[in-house]
Amino acid sequence: MCTGKVYLVQQALTVYRVWDSSRPAGQYGSWWSFSPPAAGLDAYREAEAICPEWSAPDRLSVCKIKPGARIAVGPGQSAQCADGSSYPPSAANQVYIPNDAGKGNIFVENCAPAVPWPQ
């Protein structure tokens, strides 16, 4: 994210995260969206500029950002993938939440049980 802005969350906001269940810590990663993911894996990768080697997303979590959290919001930057493919800068806003499960810093709450994705 190159042109994001930082915000202090005043009230709980719903966010969506698609993640790889083979990496359980990824459930509370840092990159989220205010919108449900695009339908289908290829459309999701294109919309969010996510290279295949970064993740094999197969779960969807829906949570609320805790009031008082500082987040950054802005369009995703371009991505160059290991297979030589690339994605242009994303038009979709991404939400950076500084979650760090290893340190016990989780800024989301009231998460619904993760569901298989895509369905």
N, C-alpha and C. Protein backbone atom coordinates (compact mmCIF):
# COMPACT_ATOMS: atom_id res chain seq x y z
N MET A 1 0.85 -1.16 0.00
CA MET A 1 0.00 0.00 0.00
C MET A 1 0.90 1.23 0.00
N CYS A 2 0.77 2.03 -1.02
CA CYS A 2 1.63 3.21 -1.14
C CYS A 2 0.91 4.51 -0.83
N THR A 3 -0.38 4.56 -1.04
CA THR A 3 -1.11 5.82 -0.87
C THR A 3 -2.18 5.72 0.21
N GLY A 4 -1.96 4.90 1.20
CA GLY A 4 -2.94 4.72 2.27
C GLY A 4 -2.95 5.88 3.24
N LYS A 5 -4.01 5.92 4.02
CA LYS A 5 -4.14 6.90 5.09
C LYS A 5 -4.37 6.15 6.39
N VAL A 6 -3.89 6.72 7.48
CA VAL A 6 -4.04 6.10 8.80
C VAL A 6 -5.28 6.67 9.48
N TYR A 7 -6.03 5.77 10.12
CA TYR A 7 -7.25 6.16 10.82
C TYR A 7 -7.26 5.55 12.21
N LEU A 8 -7.91 6.25 13.13
CA LEU A 8 -8.19 5.73 14.46
C LEU A 8 -9.63 5.27 14.45
N VAL A 9 -9.86 4.01 14.69
CA VAL A 9 -11.21 3.44 14.62
C VAL A 9 -12.04 3.94 15.81
N GLN A 10 -13.18 4.54 15.52
CA GLN A 10 -14.06 5.09 16.55
C GLN A 10 -15.16 4.12 16.98
N GLN A 11 -15.59 3.28 16.04
CA GLN A 11 -16.63 2.30 16.34
C GLN A 11 -16.29 1.02 15.60
N ALA A 12 -16.81 -0.11 16.08
CA ALA A 12 -16.51 -1.39 15.47
C ALA A 12 -16.87 -1.37 13.98
N LEU A 13 -15.96 -1.87 13.15
CA LEU A 13 -16.17 -1.94 11.70
C LEU A 13 -15.99 -3.37 11.25
N THR A 14 -16.87 -3.83 10.36
CA THR A 14 -16.77 -5.19 9.84
C THR A 14 -15.66 -5.26 8.80
N VAL A 15 -14.84 -6.31 8.91
CA VAL A 15 -13.78 -6.57 7.94
C VAL A 15 -13.78 -8.04 7.55
N TYR A 16 -13.22 -8.32 6.37
CA TYR A 16 -13.18 -9.66 5.78
C TYR A 16 -11.73 -10.03 5.50
N ARG A 17 -11.40 -11.30 5.75
CA ARG A 17 -10.05 -11.78 5.46
C ARG A 17 -10.13 -13.18 4.88
N VAL A 18 -9.48 -13.37 3.74
CA VAL A 18 -9.34 -14.70 3.14
C VAL A 18 -7.93 -15.16 3.48
N TRP A 19 -7.81 -16.40 3.98
CA TRP A 19 -6.51 -16.86 4.46
C TRP A 19 -6.33 -18.36 4.21
N ASP A 20 -5.12 -18.81 4.39
CA ASP A 20 -4.68 -20.18 4.11
C ASP A 20 -4.75 -21.00 5.39
N SER A 21 -5.64 -21.99 5.45
CA SER A 21 -5.82 -22.76 6.68
C SER A 21 -4.61 -23.64 7.02
N SER A 22 -3.68 -23.83 6.08
CA SER A 22 -2.46 -24.58 6.41
C SER A 22 -1.52 -23.72 7.26
N ARG A 23 -1.85 -22.44 7.38
CA ARG A 23 -1.09 -21.49 8.22
C ARG A 23 -2.07 -20.85 9.21
N PRO A 24 -2.41 -21.57 10.30
CA PRO A 24 -3.46 -21.10 11.22
C PRO A 24 -3.25 -19.68 11.75
N ALA A 25 -2.01 -19.26 11.94
CA ALA A 25 -1.76 -17.91 12.43
C ALA A 25 -2.25 -16.85 11.45
N GLY A 26 -2.42 -17.24 10.19
CA GLY A 26 -2.90 -16.31 9.17
C GLY A 26 -4.32 -15.85 9.37
N GLN A 27 -5.06 -16.54 10.21
CA GLN A 27 -6.44 -16.13 10.46
C GLN A 27 -6.50 -14.69 10.97
N TYR A 28 -5.49 -14.29 11.72
CA TYR A 28 -5.45 -12.93 12.27
C TYR A 28 -4.30 -12.13 11.66
N GLY A 29 -4.09 -12.28 10.38
CA GLY A 29 -3.05 -11.54 9.69
C GLY A 29 -3.37 -10.05 9.63
N SER A 30 -2.57 -9.33 8.91
CA SER A 30 -2.69 -7.87 8.89
C SER A 30 -3.52 -7.30 7.75
N TRP A 31 -3.72 -8.07 6.65
CA TRP A 31 -4.39 -7.51 5.48
C TRP A 31 -5.83 -7.97 5.40
N TRP A 32 -6.76 -7.01 5.41
CA TRP A 32 -8.20 -7.25 5.45
C TRP A 32 -8.88 -6.38 4.39
N SER A 33 -10.20 -6.50 4.31
CA SER A 33 -10.99 -5.70 3.37
C SER A 33 -12.29 -5.28 4.04
N PHE A 34 -12.83 -4.15 3.62
CA PHE A 34 -14.16 -3.74 4.08
C PHE A 34 -15.26 -4.42 3.29
N SER A 35 -14.91 -5.08 2.19
CA SER A 35 -15.89 -5.73 1.31
C SER A 35 -15.66 -7.23 1.28
N PRO A 36 -16.73 -8.02 1.10
CA PRO A 36 -16.53 -9.46 0.93
C PRO A 36 -15.63 -9.72 -0.27
N PRO A 37 -14.89 -10.83 -0.26
CA PRO A 37 -13.96 -11.09 -1.36
C PRO A 37 -14.67 -11.33 -2.68
N ALA A 38 -13.96 -11.01 -3.76
CA ALA A 38 -14.47 -11.27 -5.11
C ALA A 38 -14.76 -12.77 -5.24
N ALA A 39 -15.73 -13.11 -6.02
CA ALA A 39 -16.11 -14.51 -6.22
C ALA A 39 -15.03 -15.25 -6.98
N GLY A 40 -14.56 -16.34 -6.44
CA GLY A 40 -13.58 -17.16 -7.12
C GLY A 40 -12.15 -16.74 -6.84
N LEU A 41 -11.26 -17.72 -6.78
CA LEU A 41 -9.87 -17.47 -6.42
C LEU A 41 -9.16 -16.57 -7.42
N ASP A 42 -9.32 -16.81 -8.71
CA ASP A 42 -8.63 -15.98 -9.71
C ASP A 42 -9.08 -14.53 -9.64
N ALA A 43 -10.38 -14.31 -9.50
CA ALA A 43 -10.92 -12.95 -9.40
C ALA A 43 -10.43 -12.27 -8.13
N TYR A 44 -10.34 -13.03 -7.05
CA TYR A 44 -9.84 -12.49 -5.78
C TYR A 44 -8.38 -12.07 -5.92
N ARG A 45 -7.54 -12.94 -6.48
CA ARG A 45 -6.12 -12.61 -6.66
C ARG A 45 -5.97 -11.35 -7.51
N GLU A 46 -6.74 -11.25 -8.58
CA GLU A 46 -6.68 -10.08 -9.46
C GLU A 46 -7.12 -8.81 -8.72
N ALA A 47 -8.23 -8.88 -7.99
CA ALA A 47 -8.76 -7.71 -7.31
C ALA A 47 -7.83 -7.21 -6.21
N GLU A 48 -7.15 -8.13 -5.54
CA GLU A 48 -6.31 -7.76 -4.40
C GLU A 48 -4.81 -7.79 -4.68
N ALA A 49 -4.41 -8.14 -5.91
CA ALA A 49 -3.00 -8.24 -6.32
C ALA A 49 -2.22 -9.18 -5.38
N ILE A 50 -2.67 -10.44 -5.35
CA ILE A 50 -2.06 -11.44 -4.46
C ILE A 50 -1.46 -12.56 -5.31
N CYS A 51 -0.15 -12.72 -5.24
CA CYS A 51 0.56 -13.77 -5.99
C CYS A 51 0.27 -15.15 -5.42
N PRO A 52 0.22 -16.17 -6.28
CA PRO A 52 -0.06 -17.53 -5.82
C PRO A 52 0.91 -18.04 -4.75
N GLU A 53 2.20 -17.67 -4.84
CA GLU A 53 3.17 -18.19 -3.87
C GLU A 53 3.01 -17.59 -2.47
N TRP A 54 2.24 -16.53 -2.36
CA TRP A 54 2.06 -15.90 -1.05
C TRP A 54 1.08 -16.65 -0.18
N SER A 55 0.10 -17.31 -0.81
CA SER A 55 -0.96 -17.94 -0.02
C SER A 55 -1.80 -18.84 -0.90
N ALA A 56 -2.36 -19.88 -0.28
CA ALA A 56 -3.35 -20.74 -0.93
C ALA A 56 -4.65 -20.55 -0.14
N PRO A 57 -5.31 -19.41 -0.32
CA PRO A 57 -6.45 -19.08 0.54
C PRO A 57 -7.61 -20.06 0.36
N ASP A 58 -8.11 -20.54 1.50
CA ASP A 58 -9.23 -21.47 1.47
C ASP A 58 -10.24 -21.25 2.61
N ARG A 59 -10.05 -20.18 3.38
CA ARG A 59 -10.97 -19.85 4.47
C ARG A 59 -11.29 -18.37 4.44
N LEU A 60 -12.49 -18.05 4.92
CA LEU A 60 -12.94 -16.66 5.02
C LEU A 60 -13.31 -16.38 6.47
N SER A 61 -12.76 -15.30 7.01
CA SER A 61 -13.12 -14.83 8.35
C SER A 61 -13.78 -13.47 8.23
N VAL A 62 -14.76 -13.25 9.09
CA VAL A 62 -15.45 -11.96 9.18
C VAL A 62 -15.37 -11.54 10.64
N CYS A 63 -14.80 -10.36 10.89
CA CYS A 63 -14.58 -9.87 12.25
C CYS A 63 -14.97 -8.40 12.33
N LYS A 64 -14.85 -7.85 13.53
CA LYS A 64 -15.03 -6.42 13.77
C LYS A 64 -13.69 -5.86 14.25
N ILE A 65 -13.32 -4.70 13.72
CA ILE A 65 -12.13 -4.01 14.22
C ILE A 65 -12.51 -3.37 15.56
N LYS A 66 -11.64 -3.53 16.54
CA LYS A 66 -11.88 -2.95 17.86
C LYS A 66 -11.77 -1.43 17.82
N PRO A 67 -12.70 -0.73 18.47
CA PRO A 67 -12.54 0.71 18.59
C PRO A 67 -11.21 1.02 19.29
N GLY A 68 -10.55 2.08 18.84
CA GLY A 68 -9.26 2.46 19.39
C GLY A 68 -8.08 1.95 18.58
N ALA A 69 -8.33 1.01 17.67
CA ALA A 69 -7.25 0.49 16.82
C ALA A 69 -6.85 1.54 15.79
N ARG A 70 -5.58 1.57 15.47
CA ARG A 70 -5.08 2.41 14.37
C ARG A 70 -4.90 1.49 13.17
N ILE A 71 -5.49 1.90 12.04
CA ILE A 71 -5.44 1.10 10.82
C ILE A 71 -4.99 1.99 9.66
N ALA A 72 -4.56 1.37 8.58
CA ALA A 72 -4.25 2.10 7.35
C ALA A 72 -5.17 1.55 6.26
N VAL A 73 -5.68 2.44 5.43
CA VAL A 73 -6.60 2.07 4.36
C VAL A 73 -6.13 2.71 3.07
N GLY A 74 -6.09 1.91 2.01
CA GLY A 74 -5.71 2.45 0.71
C GLY A 74 -5.63 1.34 -0.32
N PRO A 75 -5.46 1.71 -1.58
CA PRO A 75 -5.38 0.70 -2.64
C PRO A 75 -4.07 -0.07 -2.56
N GLY A 76 -4.13 -1.33 -2.94
CA GLY A 76 -2.94 -2.17 -2.94
C GLY A 76 -2.00 -1.78 -4.05
N GLN A 77 -0.72 -2.04 -3.85
CA GLN A 77 0.28 -1.74 -4.87
C GLN A 77 0.38 -2.91 -5.84
N SER A 78 1.14 -2.73 -6.88
CA SER A 78 1.33 -3.79 -7.87
C SER A 78 2.12 -4.94 -7.25
N ALA A 79 2.08 -6.10 -7.91
CA ALA A 79 2.80 -7.27 -7.40
C ALA A 79 3.46 -8.01 -8.56
N GLN A 80 4.71 -8.40 -8.36
CA GLN A 80 5.44 -9.23 -9.32
C GLN A 80 5.56 -10.61 -8.71
N CYS A 81 5.04 -11.62 -9.40
CA CYS A 81 4.98 -12.98 -8.86
C CYS A 81 6.18 -13.81 -9.32
N ALA A 82 6.46 -14.85 -8.56
CA ALA A 82 7.61 -15.72 -8.84
C ALA A 82 7.52 -16.40 -10.20
N ASP A 83 6.31 -16.65 -10.67
CA ASP A 83 6.15 -17.33 -11.96
C ASP A 83 6.27 -16.39 -13.15
N GLY A 84 6.58 -15.12 -12.89
CA GLY A 84 6.74 -14.15 -13.95
C GLY A 84 5.48 -13.33 -14.23
N SER A 85 4.36 -13.76 -13.68
CA SER A 85 3.13 -12.98 -13.86
C SER A 85 3.16 -11.77 -12.93
N SER A 86 2.28 -10.83 -13.19
CA SER A 86 2.23 -9.64 -12.35
C SER A 86 0.80 -9.13 -12.27
N TYR A 87 0.57 -8.32 -11.27
CA TYR A 87 -0.72 -7.67 -11.10
C TYR A 87 -0.49 -6.17 -11.06
N PRO A 88 -1.35 -5.40 -11.69
CA PRO A 88 -1.22 -3.94 -11.61
C PRO A 88 -1.68 -3.47 -10.22
N PRO A 89 -1.44 -2.22 -9.89
CA PRO A 89 -1.96 -1.71 -8.62
C PRO A 89 -3.45 -1.99 -8.52
N SER A 90 -3.87 -2.37 -7.34
CA SER A 90 -5.26 -2.72 -7.11
C SER A 90 -6.12 -1.47 -6.97
N ALA A 91 -7.29 -1.49 -7.55
CA ALA A 91 -8.23 -0.39 -7.38
C ALA A 91 -8.98 -0.54 -6.05
N ALA A 92 -8.98 -1.76 -5.51
CA ALA A 92 -9.71 -2.03 -4.27
C ALA A 92 -8.92 -1.52 -3.07
N ASN A 93 -9.62 -0.92 -2.12
CA ASN A 93 -8.98 -0.53 -0.88
C ASN A 93 -8.68 -1.76 -0.05
N GLN A 94 -7.50 -1.79 0.51
CA GLN A 94 -7.12 -2.81 1.46
C GLN A 94 -7.02 -2.16 2.83
N VAL A 95 -7.21 -2.97 3.86
CA VAL A 95 -7.19 -2.48 5.23
C VAL A 95 -6.03 -3.16 5.95
N TYR A 96 -5.07 -2.38 6.41
CA TYR A 96 -3.96 -2.92 7.19
C TYR A 96 -4.29 -2.76 8.67
N ILE A 97 -4.35 -3.89 9.36
CA ILE A 97 -4.59 -3.91 10.80
C ILE A 97 -3.34 -4.53 11.43
N PRO A 98 -2.66 -3.85 12.34
CA PRO A 98 -1.37 -4.33 12.84
C PRO A 98 -1.49 -5.49 13.84
N ASN A 99 -2.22 -6.54 13.45
CA ASN A 99 -2.35 -7.72 14.31
C ASN A 99 -1.00 -8.43 14.42
N ASP A 100 -0.67 -8.89 15.60
CA ASP A 100 0.52 -9.69 15.84
C ASP A 100 0.17 -10.72 16.90
N ALA A 101 -0.36 -11.86 16.43
CA ALA A 101 -0.82 -12.90 17.36
C ALA A 101 0.30 -13.38 18.26
N GLY A 102 1.52 -13.44 17.75
CA GLY A 102 2.66 -13.90 18.54
C GLY A 102 2.91 -13.03 19.76
N LYS A 103 2.56 -11.77 19.68
CA LYS A 103 2.74 -10.84 20.80
C LYS A 103 1.44 -10.57 21.53
N GLY A 104 0.36 -11.25 21.12
CA GLY A 104 -0.93 -11.05 21.77
C GLY A 104 -1.62 -9.76 21.39
N ASN A 105 -1.19 -9.15 20.29
CA ASN A 105 -1.81 -7.90 19.83
C ASN A 105 -2.78 -8.21 18.70
N ILE A 106 -4.04 -8.36 19.02
CA ILE A 106 -5.08 -8.64 18.04
C ILE A 106 -6.10 -7.50 18.12
N PHE A 107 -6.30 -6.82 17.01
CA PHE A 107 -7.18 -5.65 16.98
C PHE A 107 -8.52 -5.93 16.32
N VAL A 108 -8.86 -7.22 16.19
CA VAL A 108 -10.19 -7.62 15.72
C VAL A 108 -10.84 -8.45 16.81
N GLU A 109 -12.18 -8.48 16.79
CA GLU A 109 -12.93 -9.24 17.78
C GLU A 109 -14.27 -9.65 17.19
N ASN A 110 -15.02 -10.40 17.96
CA ASN A 110 -16.36 -10.84 17.54
C ASN A 110 -16.32 -11.50 16.17
N CYS A 111 -15.34 -12.35 15.97
CA CYS A 111 -15.18 -13.03 14.68
C CYS A 111 -16.17 -14.18 14.56
N ALA A 112 -16.81 -14.26 13.42
CA ALA A 112 -17.66 -15.42 13.12
C ALA A 112 -16.73 -16.61 12.86
N PRO A 113 -17.19 -17.84 13.07
CA PRO A 113 -16.35 -18.98 12.73
C PRO A 113 -15.94 -18.92 11.26
N ALA A 114 -14.67 -19.20 10.99
CA ALA A 114 -14.18 -19.18 9.60
C ALA A 114 -14.93 -20.22 8.79
N VAL A 115 -15.19 -19.88 7.54
CA VAL A 115 -15.92 -20.80 6.65
C VAL A 115 -15.05 -21.11 5.42
N PRO A 116 -15.28 -22.27 4.81
CA PRO A 116 -14.54 -22.61 3.58
C PRO A 116 -14.77 -21.54 2.51
N TRP A 117 -13.73 -21.28 1.74
CA TRP A 117 -13.81 -20.30 0.65
C TRP A 117 -12.87 -20.75 -0.45
N PRO A 118 -13.14 -20.54 -1.72
CA PRO A 118 -14.46 -20.10 -2.23
C PRO A 118 -15.48 -21.21 -2.09
N GLN A 119 -16.71 -20.82 -2.12
CA GLN A 119 -17.79 -21.79 -1.90
C GLN A 119 -18.35 -22.29 -3.20
